[in-house]
Every structure is written in C-alpha cells, then in structure tokens.
Amino acid sequence: MFRHVFLTGPPGVGKTTLVQKACGALASSGVGVEGFYTEEVREGGRRIGFDVVTLTGERGRLSRIRDVAASSLGRREHTVGQYVVDLPSFENLVLPLFRRVGPADGRGVFVMDEIGKMELFSQSFISSARQTLDGSARTVLGTIPAPKGKPLVLVEEVRSRGDVKVFAVSKENRNTILQDILAVLQTCQNQTS
C-alpha cells in the first residue's frame, strides 16, 4: 500500500499547481496540510529566481540569478545553472516545518515541493526528508524532477520506494489527473486513521 504521493515531470508542466490544488481540496475536506512549495520570482516579465513558500504564507529566498557585483562575499556558493542558492534562507524557513512533523504526528499531509537540485545542497534537508518519509505517520505529497542527466540520490530513493505512488505529469494529463492524485491521498489517509 502507498503511504506517500509524488508528482514528477519536466519543469513548468504544472506540478506545483497540482500540489496547490490538492492542498486546497484536502484542507476543505478537513485534512490537516502543512509544508512548503517553490514559486518562481519574476521581475519585469523575466524569471530572476525562486522562493520557498510555506502553506501558511511565510516566504523565503531559495535562489536568485547571480549578480556578479554582489556574488561571493567570501562564502561558498551553491549554483544551479545561472541561479545562486540561498541555503541559509531555505533552511531557516523549511527545517522548522520538518521538526513539527513527528513520528506520532497522526493524520495529515506534509507537502515537499520540491526535492530538486537546489534543495539537495542542504544535508539537513536530505536528512529531514528521509526521516519524514520513513518515520512520520503523515502522508507526504511532493514533487521530484523527471530523470535527466546525473541521477540525484534522494530523488532516485523516492522514485524507487515501494510505499510511494509516483504520478507523471504531462501537458496532456495535467488538467485531468487531480482526481487520481486525491484518490490515492485519501487511501493513504484512511490507512493512518
């Protein structure tokens, strides 16, 4: 039986939008939902980075396009393409969310959008994600990138877990797959009650 649900697919296909719609549907049916999602940050119509946003609306910087003048003030930079990851900002916002999801936490859904290259620079995030998947009574709803290039260890762990249902999101199914996702999440919730 599945305990967790993850969505995968190429960038921009609508994974985060589906997670947000699923969260809304779960919350309106009385299921407790907490966690985080990532959101593009645009300025003048151009993407300049990503923020991490909690389901309660707190926001922190995940990454921004490298600004040569402001870059590299003596600390190690983590980069993905043109983006510099703000690891302290990400960890300060996200890690406390994991601490509130304990092993005897009961029903509810914890959202991890996403487990991707930027997030995986944080060893604390990797450890917290593994602990939550292994030990929490909560169902996890998350997103992982489609396989491309060098495999990401935690992403491949999630993809190969027997207790994870992975939905491949595409432009063709993104408008019709929500009910299938909710049905599996409901089954997961019924198993924990």
N, C-alpha and C. Protein backbone atom coordinates (compact mmCIF):
# COMPACT_ATOMS: atom_id res chain seq x y z
N MET A 1 0.84 -1.19 0.00
CA MET A 1 0.00 0.00 0.00
C MET A 1 0.88 1.25 0.00
N PHE A 2 0.37 2.29 -0.61
CA PHE A 2 1.12 3.54 -0.70
C PHE A 2 0.92 4.38 0.56
N ARG A 3 2.00 5.03 1.00
CA ARG A 3 1.94 5.98 2.12
C ARG A 3 2.13 7.41 1.64
N HIS A 4 2.81 7.57 0.49
CA HIS A 4 3.19 8.89 0.01
C HIS A 4 2.90 9.03 -1.49
N VAL A 5 2.73 10.27 -1.92
CA VAL A 5 2.43 10.56 -3.32
C VAL A 5 3.41 11.63 -3.81
N PHE A 6 4.05 11.34 -4.94
CA PHE A 6 4.96 12.32 -5.56
C PHE A 6 4.57 12.52 -7.01
N LEU A 7 4.72 13.76 -7.47
CA LEU A 7 4.48 14.11 -8.86
C LEU A 7 5.83 14.36 -9.52
N THR A 8 5.97 13.91 -10.74
CA THR A 8 7.19 14.14 -11.50
C THR A 8 6.83 14.63 -12.88
N GLY A 9 7.78 15.26 -13.52
CA GLY A 9 7.56 15.77 -14.86
C GLY A 9 8.54 16.88 -15.15
N PRO A 10 8.57 17.35 -16.39
CA PRO A 10 9.52 18.40 -16.76
C PRO A 10 9.20 19.73 -16.08
N PRO A 11 10.18 20.63 -15.99
CA PRO A 11 9.93 21.95 -15.42
C PRO A 11 8.80 22.67 -16.16
N GLY A 12 7.95 23.35 -15.40
CA GLY A 12 6.90 24.17 -16.00
C GLY A 12 5.66 23.42 -16.45
N VAL A 13 5.58 22.10 -16.15
CA VAL A 13 4.44 21.32 -16.62
C VAL A 13 3.20 21.49 -15.74
N GLY A 14 3.40 21.98 -14.51
CA GLY A 14 2.25 22.20 -13.63
C GLY A 14 2.24 21.38 -12.36
N LYS A 15 3.38 20.84 -11.96
CA LYS A 15 3.43 20.02 -10.73
C LYS A 15 3.03 20.83 -9.50
N THR A 16 3.62 22.00 -9.35
CA THR A 16 3.32 22.83 -8.17
C THR A 16 1.86 23.27 -8.17
N THR A 17 1.33 23.60 -9.32
CA THR A 17 -0.09 23.99 -9.42
C THR A 17 -0.97 22.83 -8.96
N LEU A 18 -0.65 21.61 -9.37
CA LEU A 18 -1.42 20.45 -8.93
C LEU A 18 -1.30 20.24 -7.42
N VAL A 19 -0.11 20.43 -6.87
CA VAL A 19 0.08 20.31 -5.42
C VAL A 19 -0.80 21.33 -4.71
N GLN A 20 -0.81 22.56 -5.19
CA GLN A 20 -1.63 23.60 -4.56
C GLN A 20 -3.12 23.27 -4.65
N LYS A 21 -3.57 22.76 -5.79
CA LYS A 21 -4.98 22.37 -5.92
C LYS A 21 -5.31 21.21 -4.99
N ALA A 22 -4.42 20.24 -4.89
CA ALA A 22 -4.64 19.10 -3.99
C ALA A 22 -4.71 19.58 -2.54
N CYS A 23 -3.84 20.50 -2.16
CA CYS A 23 -3.85 21.04 -0.79
C CYS A 23 -5.17 21.72 -0.49
N GLY A 24 -5.66 22.50 -1.44
CA GLY A 24 -6.95 23.17 -1.25
C GLY A 24 -8.08 22.17 -1.06
N ALA A 25 -8.09 21.13 -1.88
CA ALA A 25 -9.14 20.11 -1.78
C ALA A 25 -9.04 19.34 -0.46
N LEU A 26 -7.82 19.02 -0.04
CA LEU A 26 -7.63 18.30 1.22
C LEU A 26 -8.06 19.15 2.40
N ALA A 27 -7.64 20.40 2.41
CA ALA A 27 -7.99 21.30 3.52
C ALA A 27 -9.49 21.49 3.61
N SER A 28 -10.18 21.61 2.46
CA SER A 28 -11.63 21.80 2.51
C SER A 28 -12.37 20.54 2.92
N SER A 29 -11.69 19.39 2.86
CA SER A 29 -12.33 18.16 3.35
C SER A 29 -11.90 17.84 4.78
N GLY A 30 -11.20 18.78 5.43
CA GLY A 30 -10.87 18.61 6.84
C GLY A 30 -9.53 17.94 7.12
N VAL A 31 -8.73 17.69 6.11
CA VAL A 31 -7.41 17.08 6.31
C VAL A 31 -6.40 18.18 6.61
N GLY A 32 -5.62 18.00 7.67
CA GLY A 32 -4.57 18.96 8.01
C GLY A 32 -3.45 18.89 6.98
N VAL A 33 -3.04 20.05 6.49
CA VAL A 33 -2.00 20.12 5.47
C VAL A 33 -0.99 21.18 5.89
N GLU A 34 0.29 20.81 5.88
CA GLU A 34 1.34 21.80 6.08
C GLU A 34 2.56 21.42 5.28
N GLY A 35 3.49 22.34 5.16
CA GLY A 35 4.68 22.10 4.38
C GLY A 35 5.04 23.31 3.55
N PHE A 36 5.63 23.07 2.38
CA PHE A 36 6.13 24.18 1.57
C PHE A 36 6.06 23.83 0.08
N TYR A 37 6.10 24.88 -0.73
CA TYR A 37 6.22 24.73 -2.17
C TYR A 37 7.17 25.80 -2.69
N THR A 38 7.65 25.62 -3.91
CA THR A 38 8.52 26.61 -4.53
C THR A 38 7.73 27.42 -5.54
N GLU A 39 8.17 28.65 -5.72
CA GLU A 39 7.45 29.56 -6.61
C GLU A 39 8.47 30.40 -7.38
N GLU A 40 8.23 30.56 -8.66
CA GLU A 40 9.06 31.44 -9.48
C GLU A 40 8.94 32.87 -8.99
N VAL A 41 10.03 33.61 -9.07
CA VAL A 41 10.02 35.05 -8.79
C VAL A 41 10.35 35.75 -10.10
N ARG A 42 9.45 36.65 -10.51
CA ARG A 42 9.63 37.36 -11.79
C ARG A 42 9.75 38.85 -11.53
N GLU A 43 10.53 39.48 -12.38
CA GLU A 43 10.70 40.93 -12.32
C GLU A 43 10.71 41.43 -13.76
N GLY A 44 9.79 42.30 -14.09
CA GLY A 44 9.71 42.81 -15.45
C GLY A 44 9.48 41.71 -16.48
N GLY A 45 8.69 40.69 -16.10
CA GLY A 45 8.38 39.59 -17.01
C GLY A 45 9.48 38.55 -17.15
N ARG A 46 10.57 38.72 -16.44
CA ARG A 46 11.72 37.81 -16.53
C ARG A 46 11.89 37.06 -15.21
N ARG A 47 12.11 35.74 -15.28
CA ARG A 47 12.34 34.97 -14.06
C ARG A 47 13.72 35.32 -13.51
N ILE A 48 13.73 35.73 -12.24
CA ILE A 48 15.00 36.09 -11.59
C ILE A 48 15.38 35.11 -10.48
N GLY A 49 14.49 34.17 -10.18
CA GLY A 49 14.81 33.21 -9.14
C GLY A 49 13.60 32.46 -8.66
N PHE A 50 13.77 31.84 -7.47
CA PHE A 50 12.71 31.05 -6.86
C PHE A 50 12.65 31.37 -5.37
N ASP A 51 11.44 31.36 -4.83
CA ASP A 51 11.22 31.47 -3.39
C ASP A 51 10.64 30.16 -2.90
N VAL A 52 10.82 29.91 -1.61
CA VAL A 52 10.13 28.81 -0.96
C VAL A 52 9.03 29.46 -0.13
N VAL A 53 7.82 28.89 -0.19
CA VAL A 53 6.66 29.46 0.47
C VAL A 53 6.00 28.38 1.31
N THR A 54 5.77 28.68 2.60
CA THR A 54 5.07 27.71 3.44
C THR A 54 3.58 27.77 3.14
N LEU A 55 2.86 26.74 3.53
CA LEU A 55 1.42 26.73 3.29
C LEU A 55 0.70 27.74 4.17
N THR A 56 1.41 28.32 5.16
CA THR A 56 0.81 29.39 5.96
C THR A 56 1.18 30.76 5.41
N GLY A 57 1.94 30.80 4.29
CA GLY A 57 2.22 32.05 3.61
C GLY A 57 3.57 32.69 3.91
N GLU A 58 4.38 32.07 4.78
CA GLU A 58 5.72 32.62 5.01
C GLU A 58 6.56 32.39 3.76
N ARG A 59 7.42 33.34 3.47
CA ARG A 59 8.19 33.27 2.22
C ARG A 59 9.67 33.50 2.52
N GLY A 60 10.51 32.74 1.82
CA GLY A 60 11.96 32.93 1.93
C GLY A 60 12.61 32.72 0.58
N ARG A 61 13.77 33.25 0.43
CA ARG A 61 14.51 33.16 -0.84
C ARG A 61 15.13 31.76 -0.96
N LEU A 62 14.91 31.14 -2.11
CA LEU A 62 15.58 29.89 -2.44
C LEU A 62 16.77 30.16 -3.35
N SER A 63 16.57 30.99 -4.38
CA SER A 63 17.67 31.29 -5.29
C SER A 63 17.38 32.56 -6.07
N ARG A 64 18.45 33.14 -6.60
CA ARG A 64 18.35 34.29 -7.48
C ARG A 64 19.42 34.16 -8.56
N ILE A 65 19.19 34.85 -9.67
CA ILE A 65 20.21 34.90 -10.71
C ILE A 65 21.46 35.55 -10.12
N ARG A 66 22.60 34.99 -10.50
CA ARG A 66 23.87 35.51 -9.97
C ARG A 66 24.04 36.97 -10.36
N ASP A 67 24.31 37.77 -9.37
CA ASP A 67 24.64 39.17 -9.57
C ASP A 67 26.14 39.27 -9.31
N VAL A 68 26.90 39.46 -10.36
CA VAL A 68 28.36 39.40 -10.25
C VAL A 68 28.86 40.35 -9.18
N ALA A 69 28.30 41.55 -9.08
CA ALA A 69 28.77 42.52 -8.10
C ALA A 69 28.52 42.06 -6.67
N ALA A 70 27.38 41.40 -6.43
CA ALA A 70 27.01 41.01 -5.06
C ALA A 70 27.42 39.59 -4.72
N SER A 71 27.99 38.89 -5.69
CA SER A 71 28.23 37.48 -5.50
C SER A 71 29.52 37.23 -4.73
N SER A 72 29.52 36.11 -4.05
CA SER A 72 30.74 35.54 -3.47
C SER A 72 31.40 36.44 -2.45
N LEU A 73 30.72 36.74 -1.39
CA LEU A 73 31.29 37.55 -0.32
C LEU A 73 32.07 36.65 0.65
N GLY A 74 32.96 35.86 0.10
CA GLY A 74 33.80 35.02 0.94
C GLY A 74 33.18 33.70 1.34
N ARG A 75 31.94 33.43 0.95
CA ARG A 75 31.34 32.14 1.32
C ARG A 75 31.15 31.29 0.08
N ARG A 76 31.07 30.00 0.30
CA ARG A 76 30.92 29.08 -0.81
C ARG A 76 29.54 29.25 -1.44
N GLU A 77 29.51 29.34 -2.75
CA GLU A 77 28.24 29.47 -3.46
C GLU A 77 27.80 28.12 -3.99
N HIS A 78 26.51 27.87 -3.89
CA HIS A 78 25.89 26.69 -4.49
C HIS A 78 25.10 27.20 -5.68
N THR A 79 25.38 26.68 -6.86
CA THR A 79 24.71 27.18 -8.05
C THR A 79 24.05 26.04 -8.83
N VAL A 80 22.94 26.38 -9.45
CA VAL A 80 22.26 25.51 -10.42
C VAL A 80 22.03 26.39 -11.63
N GLY A 81 22.77 26.12 -12.70
CA GLY A 81 22.69 26.98 -13.87
C GLY A 81 23.08 28.39 -13.51
N GLN A 82 22.23 29.34 -13.84
CA GLN A 82 22.52 30.75 -13.55
C GLN A 82 22.07 31.19 -12.16
N TYR A 83 21.51 30.26 -11.38
CA TYR A 83 20.94 30.61 -10.08
C TYR A 83 21.89 30.28 -8.93
N VAL A 84 21.99 31.21 -7.98
CA VAL A 84 22.76 31.00 -6.77
C VAL A 84 21.75 30.66 -5.67
N VAL A 85 21.96 29.51 -5.02
CA VAL A 85 21.04 29.04 -3.98
C VAL A 85 21.37 29.74 -2.66
N ASP A 86 20.34 30.26 -1.99
CA ASP A 86 20.48 30.90 -0.68
C ASP A 86 20.15 29.84 0.37
N LEU A 87 21.15 29.02 0.69
CA LEU A 87 20.94 27.89 1.59
C LEU A 87 20.49 28.32 2.99
N PRO A 88 21.09 29.35 3.60
CA PRO A 88 20.62 29.75 4.94
C PRO A 88 19.14 30.16 4.94
N SER A 89 18.71 30.91 3.94
CA SER A 89 17.31 31.33 3.87
C SER A 89 16.39 30.11 3.74
N PHE A 90 16.75 29.20 2.84
CA PHE A 90 15.95 27.99 2.62
C PHE A 90 15.85 27.17 3.91
N GLU A 91 16.99 26.91 4.55
CA GLU A 91 17.00 26.07 5.75
C GLU A 91 16.25 26.73 6.91
N ASN A 92 16.41 28.06 7.06
CA ASN A 92 15.73 28.75 8.16
C ASN A 92 14.22 28.66 8.07
N LEU A 93 13.70 28.60 6.85
CA LEU A 93 12.25 28.54 6.68
C LEU A 93 11.72 27.10 6.69
N VAL A 94 12.44 26.19 6.03
CA VAL A 94 11.92 24.84 5.81
C VAL A 94 12.20 23.87 6.95
N LEU A 95 13.39 23.90 7.53
CA LEU A 95 13.74 22.89 8.53
C LEU A 95 12.81 22.90 9.75
N PRO A 96 12.37 24.07 10.25
CA PRO A 96 11.41 24.03 11.37
C PRO A 96 10.10 23.32 11.02
N LEU A 97 9.71 23.33 9.75
CA LEU A 97 8.48 22.62 9.35
C LEU A 97 8.63 21.12 9.59
N PHE A 98 9.81 20.58 9.29
CA PHE A 98 10.06 19.16 9.50
C PHE A 98 10.04 18.81 10.98
N ARG A 99 10.54 19.69 11.81
CA ARG A 99 10.59 19.40 13.26
C ARG A 99 9.20 19.29 13.86
N ARG A 100 8.21 19.93 13.22
CA ARG A 100 6.84 19.86 13.74
C ARG A 100 6.12 18.58 13.30
N VAL A 101 6.73 17.81 12.40
CA VAL A 101 6.11 16.59 11.89
C VAL A 101 6.81 15.40 12.53
N GLY A 102 6.34 14.99 13.70
CA GLY A 102 6.98 13.91 14.44
C GLY A 102 6.44 12.54 14.08
N PRO A 103 7.06 11.48 14.62
CA PRO A 103 6.66 10.11 14.30
C PRO A 103 5.23 9.77 14.73
N ALA A 104 4.75 10.36 15.80
CA ALA A 104 3.40 10.05 16.27
C ALA A 104 2.44 11.18 15.92
N ASP A 105 2.73 11.84 14.82
CA ASP A 105 2.03 13.05 14.46
C ASP A 105 0.59 12.84 14.01
N GLY A 106 0.24 11.63 13.60
CA GLY A 106 -1.14 11.36 13.22
C GLY A 106 -1.47 11.73 11.80
N ARG A 107 -2.77 11.86 11.56
CA ARG A 107 -3.25 12.13 10.20
C ARG A 107 -2.78 13.48 9.69
N GLY A 108 -2.84 13.60 8.40
CA GLY A 108 -2.49 14.86 7.76
C GLY A 108 -1.53 14.62 6.62
N VAL A 109 -1.28 15.69 5.89
CA VAL A 109 -0.40 15.61 4.73
C VAL A 109 0.69 16.66 4.89
N PHE A 110 1.92 16.24 4.63
CA PHE A 110 3.07 17.14 4.66
C PHE A 110 3.53 17.33 3.22
N VAL A 111 3.64 18.57 2.79
CA VAL A 111 3.97 18.90 1.41
C VAL A 111 5.45 19.24 1.28
N MET A 112 6.12 18.56 0.33
CA MET A 112 7.52 18.83 -0.01
C MET A 112 7.60 19.11 -1.50
N ASP A 113 7.47 20.37 -1.87
CA ASP A 113 7.58 20.75 -3.28
C ASP A 113 8.71 21.78 -3.39
N GLU A 114 9.89 21.34 -3.64
CA GLU A 114 10.19 20.09 -4.28
C GLU A 114 11.44 19.49 -3.71
N ILE A 115 11.72 18.25 -4.11
CA ILE A 115 13.03 17.66 -3.83
C ILE A 115 13.78 17.76 -5.16
N GLY A 116 14.63 18.77 -5.27
CA GLY A 116 15.35 19.01 -6.52
C GLY A 116 16.78 19.43 -6.25
N LYS A 117 17.49 19.79 -7.30
CA LYS A 117 18.92 20.11 -7.19
C LYS A 117 19.20 21.21 -6.17
N MET A 118 18.40 22.26 -6.18
CA MET A 118 18.66 23.38 -5.27
C MET A 118 18.50 22.95 -3.81
N GLU A 119 17.43 22.25 -3.52
CA GLU A 119 17.15 21.81 -2.16
C GLU A 119 18.18 20.80 -1.66
N LEU A 120 18.73 20.02 -2.58
CA LEU A 120 19.64 18.94 -2.19
C LEU A 120 21.05 19.42 -1.85
N PHE A 121 21.31 20.71 -1.91
CA PHE A 121 22.58 21.23 -1.37
C PHE A 121 22.55 21.18 0.15
N SER A 122 21.37 21.08 0.75
CA SER A 122 21.23 21.07 2.20
C SER A 122 21.23 19.64 2.74
N GLN A 123 22.28 19.27 3.44
CA GLN A 123 22.35 17.95 4.06
C GLN A 123 21.27 17.80 5.14
N SER A 124 20.94 18.89 5.83
CA SER A 124 19.88 18.85 6.85
C SER A 124 18.53 18.58 6.21
N PHE A 125 18.29 19.17 5.03
CA PHE A 125 17.05 18.91 4.31
C PHE A 125 16.97 17.43 3.91
N ILE A 126 18.06 16.90 3.37
CA ILE A 126 18.08 15.50 2.94
C ILE A 126 17.75 14.59 4.12
N SER A 127 18.40 14.82 5.24
CA SER A 127 18.17 14.01 6.44
C SER A 127 16.72 14.14 6.92
N SER A 128 16.20 15.36 6.95
CA SER A 128 14.82 15.59 7.41
C SER A 128 13.81 14.94 6.48
N ALA A 129 14.05 15.04 5.17
CA ALA A 129 13.14 14.42 4.20
C ALA A 129 13.11 12.91 4.38
N ARG A 130 14.27 12.30 4.54
CA ARG A 130 14.33 10.84 4.74
C ARG A 130 13.60 10.44 6.03
N GLN A 131 13.84 11.17 7.11
CA GLN A 131 13.18 10.86 8.38
C GLN A 131 11.67 10.97 8.26
N THR A 132 11.20 11.98 7.57
CA THR A 132 9.76 12.18 7.41
C THR A 132 9.15 11.06 6.58
N LEU A 133 9.82 10.68 5.51
CA LEU A 133 9.31 9.59 4.68
C LEU A 133 9.31 8.27 5.42
N ASP A 134 10.32 8.03 6.25
CA ASP A 134 10.45 6.75 6.95
C ASP A 134 9.63 6.67 8.23
N GLY A 135 9.56 7.78 8.98
CA GLY A 135 9.06 7.66 10.33
C GLY A 135 7.77 8.35 10.68
N SER A 136 7.37 9.32 9.91
CA SER A 136 6.18 10.08 10.27
C SER A 136 4.92 9.30 9.93
N ALA A 137 3.88 9.52 10.72
CA ALA A 137 2.58 8.94 10.40
C ALA A 137 1.89 9.76 9.32
N ARG A 138 2.48 10.89 8.97
CA ARG A 138 1.90 11.75 7.94
C ARG A 138 2.17 11.22 6.54
N THR A 139 1.23 11.46 5.67
CA THR A 139 1.41 11.20 4.24
C THR A 139 2.20 12.38 3.68
N VAL A 140 3.13 12.10 2.79
CA VAL A 140 3.88 13.16 2.13
C VAL A 140 3.35 13.31 0.70
N LEU A 141 3.08 14.55 0.32
CA LEU A 141 2.75 14.90 -1.06
C LEU A 141 3.91 15.77 -1.53
N GLY A 142 4.59 15.32 -2.57
CA GLY A 142 5.76 16.07 -3.01
C GLY A 142 5.95 16.04 -4.51
N THR A 143 7.00 16.73 -4.93
CA THR A 143 7.37 16.70 -6.34
C THR A 143 8.85 16.39 -6.46
N ILE A 144 9.17 15.70 -7.55
CA ILE A 144 10.55 15.38 -7.90
C ILE A 144 10.72 15.64 -9.39
N PRO A 145 11.93 16.02 -9.81
CA PRO A 145 12.13 16.28 -11.24
C PRO A 145 12.11 14.98 -12.04
N ALA A 146 11.81 15.12 -13.32
CA ALA A 146 11.90 13.98 -14.24
C ALA A 146 13.37 13.60 -14.38
N PRO A 147 13.65 12.31 -14.59
CA PRO A 147 15.05 11.90 -14.74
C PRO A 147 15.70 12.63 -15.92
N LYS A 148 16.87 13.21 -15.65
CA LYS A 148 17.60 13.92 -16.70
C LYS A 148 19.03 14.11 -16.20
N GLY A 149 19.98 13.73 -17.00
CA GLY A 149 21.38 13.92 -16.60
C GLY A 149 21.77 13.00 -15.47
N LYS A 150 22.66 13.49 -14.63
CA LYS A 150 23.17 12.71 -13.50
C LYS A 150 22.05 12.49 -12.47
N PRO A 151 21.83 11.23 -12.05
CA PRO A 151 20.76 10.96 -11.06
C PRO A 151 21.03 11.67 -9.73
N LEU A 152 19.96 12.14 -9.13
CA LEU A 152 20.02 12.75 -7.79
C LEU A 152 19.65 11.67 -6.79
N VAL A 153 20.54 11.39 -5.84
CA VAL A 153 20.39 10.23 -4.96
C VAL A 153 19.04 10.20 -4.25
N LEU A 154 18.67 11.27 -3.55
CA LEU A 154 17.40 11.25 -2.81
C LEU A 154 16.20 11.14 -3.75
N VAL A 155 16.28 11.77 -4.90
CA VAL A 155 15.19 11.69 -5.88
C VAL A 155 15.00 10.24 -6.32
N GLU A 156 16.09 9.56 -6.61
CA GLU A 156 16.00 8.16 -7.04
C GLU A 156 15.53 7.26 -5.90
N GLU A 157 15.93 7.58 -4.66
CA GLU A 157 15.41 6.83 -3.50
C GLU A 157 13.89 6.94 -3.43
N VAL A 158 13.39 8.17 -3.57
CA VAL A 158 11.94 8.39 -3.52
C VAL A 158 11.25 7.63 -4.64
N ARG A 159 11.80 7.77 -5.85
CA ARG A 159 11.19 7.15 -7.02
C ARG A 159 11.11 5.62 -6.88
N SER A 160 12.07 5.02 -6.19
CA SER A 160 12.11 3.55 -6.10
C SER A 160 11.47 2.98 -4.84
N ARG A 161 10.97 3.83 -3.96
CA ARG A 161 10.34 3.33 -2.72
C ARG A 161 9.04 2.60 -3.05
N GLY A 162 8.82 1.49 -2.38
CA GLY A 162 7.60 0.73 -2.58
C GLY A 162 6.36 1.39 -2.02
N ASP A 163 6.54 2.32 -1.07
CA ASP A 163 5.39 2.98 -0.44
C ASP A 163 5.07 4.34 -1.08
N VAL A 164 5.67 4.63 -2.23
CA VAL A 164 5.44 5.90 -2.92
C VAL A 164 4.75 5.65 -4.26
N LYS A 165 3.64 6.34 -4.46
CA LYS A 165 2.96 6.35 -5.75
C LYS A 165 3.47 7.58 -6.50
N VAL A 166 4.06 7.37 -7.68
CA VAL A 166 4.58 8.47 -8.49
C VAL A 166 3.66 8.69 -9.68
N PHE A 167 3.18 9.91 -9.80
CA PHE A 167 2.36 10.31 -10.95
C PHE A 167 3.23 11.13 -11.90
N ALA A 168 3.27 10.73 -13.16
CA ALA A 168 3.97 11.50 -14.18
C ALA A 168 3.01 12.54 -14.74
N VAL A 169 3.35 13.81 -14.56
CA VAL A 169 2.50 14.91 -15.01
C VAL A 169 2.99 15.36 -16.39
N SER A 170 2.05 15.53 -17.30
CA SER A 170 2.37 15.98 -18.65
C SER A 170 1.38 17.08 -19.05
N LYS A 171 1.67 17.74 -20.13
CA LYS A 171 0.73 18.76 -20.63
C LYS A 171 -0.60 18.12 -21.00
N GLU A 172 -0.56 16.86 -21.42
CA GLU A 172 -1.78 16.16 -21.83
C GLU A 172 -2.67 15.78 -20.65
N ASN A 173 -2.07 15.44 -19.48
CA ASN A 173 -2.89 14.95 -18.37
C ASN A 173 -3.02 15.93 -17.20
N ARG A 174 -2.33 17.05 -17.23
CA ARG A 174 -2.29 17.92 -16.05
C ARG A 174 -3.65 18.50 -15.67
N ASN A 175 -4.58 18.56 -16.60
CA ASN A 175 -5.91 19.08 -16.27
C ASN A 175 -6.89 18.00 -15.84
N THR A 176 -6.48 16.74 -15.91
CA THR A 176 -7.40 15.64 -15.58
C THR A 176 -6.88 14.71 -14.49
N ILE A 177 -5.64 14.88 -14.05
CA ILE A 177 -5.01 13.93 -13.14
C ILE A 177 -5.30 14.22 -11.65
N LEU A 178 -5.82 15.39 -11.34
CA LEU A 178 -6.03 15.78 -9.94
C LEU A 178 -6.89 14.77 -9.18
N GLN A 179 -7.99 14.30 -9.76
CA GLN A 179 -8.87 13.36 -9.05
C GLN A 179 -8.15 12.05 -8.73
N ASP A 180 -7.27 11.60 -9.62
CA ASP A 180 -6.48 10.38 -9.35
C ASP A 180 -5.53 10.60 -8.17
N ILE A 181 -4.90 11.76 -8.14
CA ILE A 181 -3.97 12.10 -7.05
C ILE A 181 -4.74 12.14 -5.72
N LEU A 182 -5.88 12.82 -5.72
CA LEU A 182 -6.69 12.92 -4.50
C LEU A 182 -7.18 11.55 -4.03
N ALA A 183 -7.53 10.67 -4.96
CA ALA A 183 -8.00 9.33 -4.59
C ALA A 183 -6.90 8.56 -3.86
N VAL A 184 -5.67 8.63 -4.35
CA VAL A 184 -4.57 7.93 -3.69
C VAL A 184 -4.27 8.57 -2.33
N LEU A 185 -4.29 9.90 -2.27
CA LEU A 185 -4.06 10.57 -0.98
C LEU A 185 -5.13 10.19 0.04
N GLN A 186 -6.38 10.08 -0.40
CA GLN A 186 -7.47 9.68 0.51
C GLN A 186 -7.23 8.26 1.01
N THR A 187 -6.80 7.36 0.15
CA THR A 187 -6.48 5.99 0.57
C THR A 187 -5.36 6.00 1.59
N CYS A 188 -4.32 6.81 1.35
CA CYS A 188 -3.22 6.93 2.31
C CYS A 188 -3.74 7.41 3.66
N GLN A 189 -4.62 8.39 3.65
CA GLN A 189 -5.17 8.95 4.90
C GLN A 189 -6.02 7.91 5.63
N ASN A 190 -6.79 7.13 4.89
CA ASN A 190 -7.63 6.11 5.52
C ASN A 190 -6.79 5.03 6.20
N GLN A 191 -5.59 4.78 5.68
CA GLN A 191 -4.72 3.77 6.27
C GLN A 191 -4.12 4.25 7.60
N THR A 192 -3.97 5.56 7.77
CA THR A 192 -3.36 6.07 9.00
C THR A 192 -4.37 6.31 10.10
N SER A 193 -5.66 6.25 9.78
CA SER A 193 -6.67 6.54 10.82
C SER A 193 -7.05 5.29 11.60
